[in-house]
Amino acid sequence: MTKKEEAVKLIKEKLSKKTFLTYKEIAAITGYHPKYILKLKKEVINGTVNFVHGNKNRVPANVMSEEERKKIIALYKKTNVSIRKFCKFYNKRSYSCIYNLLKEEGLIKLNK
């Protein structure tokens, strides 16, 4: 049982008068802030409690398209500059994004 499920269970018990815990005590037990417990209470009363995050299973807005991946790989293969200079030249993606892409493709050799 997750913390949120436990908090909702305790809030439902309190609303049905099966327990004498205060909302502060419920917050202490679950580790949530008392204000969040009161927010959860409103959601329980309205029946709008959601246990799954709203962005789950969505594609991120800034995901790199396959076309752009191929373009970056082709450009990097044609050059013989360092990754930092290449990133400054490309200037559309961060250094870490380009570095991870090139590392996945095996174009970067790790020094050990």
Protein backbone atom coordinates (compact mmCIF):
# COMPACT_ATOMS: atom_id res chain seq x y z
CA MET A 1 0.00 0.00 0.00
CA THR A 2 1.40 3.38 -0.97
CA LYS A 3 1.47 6.37 1.36
CA LYS A 4 -1.35 8.02 -0.54
CA GLU A 5 -3.55 4.91 -0.38
CA GLU A 6 -2.89 4.66 3.36
CA ALA A 7 -3.73 8.34 3.85
CA VAL A 8 -6.99 7.98 1.90
CA LYS A 9 -7.91 4.88 3.93
CA LEU A 10 -7.29 6.74 7.22
CA ILE A 11 -9.25 9.78 6.01
CA LYS A 12 -12.18 7.57 5.01
CA GLU A 13 -12.10 5.92 8.45
CA LYS A 14 -12.10 9.36 10.10
CA LEU A 15 -15.00 10.57 7.96
CA SER A 16 -17.01 7.46 8.83
CA LYS A 17 -16.10 7.98 12.51
CA LYS A 18 -14.32 4.62 12.84
CA THR A 19 -11.20 6.27 14.25
CA PHE A 20 -10.41 9.21 16.48
CA LEU A 21 -7.16 10.23 14.75
CA THR A 22 -6.75 13.91 13.98
CA TYR A 23 -5.68 15.11 10.56
CA LYS A 24 -2.32 16.12 12.03
CA GLU A 25 -1.87 12.56 13.33
CA ILE A 26 -2.78 11.15 9.92
CA ALA A 27 -0.20 13.49 8.39
CA ALA A 28 2.43 12.30 10.88
CA ILE A 29 1.65 8.63 10.18
CA THR A 30 1.79 9.00 6.39
CA GLY A 31 4.55 11.60 6.22
CA TYR A 32 2.45 14.13 4.33
CA HIS A 33 1.96 17.79 5.25
CA PRO A 34 -1.31 18.49 7.12
CA LYS A 35 -2.45 20.83 4.33
CA TYR A 36 -2.08 17.99 1.80
CA ILE A 37 -4.16 15.74 4.06
CA LEU A 38 -6.93 18.35 4.03
CA LYS A 39 -6.68 18.54 0.24
CA LEU A 40 -6.97 14.75 0.08
CA LYS A 41 -10.00 14.97 2.39
CA LYS A 42 -11.75 17.25 -0.13
CA GLU A 43 -10.88 14.82 -2.94
CA VAL A 44 -12.27 11.89 -0.91
CA ILE A 45 -15.51 13.78 -0.22
CA ASN A 46 -15.85 14.76 -3.91
CA GLY A 47 -14.83 11.29 -5.10
CA THR A 48 -12.01 12.63 -7.27
CA VAL A 49 -9.05 10.82 -5.67
CA ASN A 50 -6.56 9.73 -8.32
CA PHE A 51 -3.76 7.29 -7.48
CA VAL A 52 -2.05 7.44 -10.88
CA HIS A 53 -0.18 10.55 -11.98
CA GLY A 54 -1.84 12.40 -14.85
CA ASN A 55 1.26 12.39 -17.08
CA LYS A 56 1.88 8.66 -16.79
CA ASN A 57 2.32 6.93 -20.17
CA ARG A 58 2.53 10.23 -22.06
CA VAL A 59 5.35 11.05 -24.43
CA PRO A 60 7.44 13.98 -23.15
CA ALA A 61 6.98 17.25 -25.04
CA ASN A 62 10.71 17.67 -25.67
CA VAL A 63 11.41 14.14 -26.97
CA MET A 64 13.83 13.99 -29.87
CA SER A 65 12.33 12.77 -33.16
CA GLU A 66 13.95 9.92 -35.04
CA GLU A 67 14.66 12.30 -37.92
CA GLU A 68 16.59 14.67 -35.65
CA ARG A 69 18.50 11.75 -34.13
CA LYS A 70 19.63 10.61 -37.57
CA LYS A 71 20.57 14.17 -38.52
CA ILE A 72 22.75 14.61 -35.41
CA ILE A 73 24.46 11.27 -35.94
CA ALA A 74 25.13 12.00 -39.63
CA LEU A 75 26.51 15.46 -38.84
CA TYR A 76 28.76 14.14 -36.08
CA LYS A 77 30.11 11.36 -38.29
CA LYS A 78 31.13 13.95 -40.93
CA THR A 79 33.07 16.08 -38.46
CA ASN A 80 36.21 15.46 -36.47
CA VAL A 81 35.64 18.03 -33.71
CA SER A 82 35.12 17.46 -30.01
CA ILE A 83 31.65 16.88 -28.59
CA ARG A 84 31.67 20.28 -26.88
CA LYS A 85 32.41 22.12 -30.13
CA PHE A 86 29.81 20.04 -31.93
CA CYS A 87 27.19 20.94 -29.29
CA LYS A 88 28.00 24.65 -29.61
CA PHE A 89 27.65 24.32 -33.39
CA TYR A 90 24.36 22.39 -33.24
CA ASN A 91 22.94 24.61 -30.45
CA LYS A 92 19.42 23.08 -30.46
CA ARG A 93 19.93 20.43 -27.81
CA SER A 94 21.87 20.31 -24.56
CA TYR A 95 25.33 18.81 -24.26
CA SER A 96 24.06 15.89 -22.19
CA CYS A 97 21.31 15.10 -24.70
CA ILE A 98 23.73 14.93 -27.62
CA TYR A 99 26.39 13.13 -25.57
CA ASN A 100 23.93 10.42 -24.50
CA LEU A 101 22.69 9.97 -28.06
CA LEU A 102 26.23 9.58 -29.44
CA LYS A 103 27.14 7.25 -26.58
CA GLU A 104 24.11 5.04 -27.34
CA GLU A 105 25.22 4.84 -30.97
CA GLY A 106 28.77 3.88 -29.98
CA LEU A 107 30.35 6.97 -31.51
CA ILE A 108 32.03 7.98 -28.24
CA LYS A 109 34.83 5.97 -26.78
CA LEU A 110 35.05 6.08 -23.00
CA ASN A 111 38.53 6.61 -21.56
CA LYS A 112 39.32 4.23 -18.74
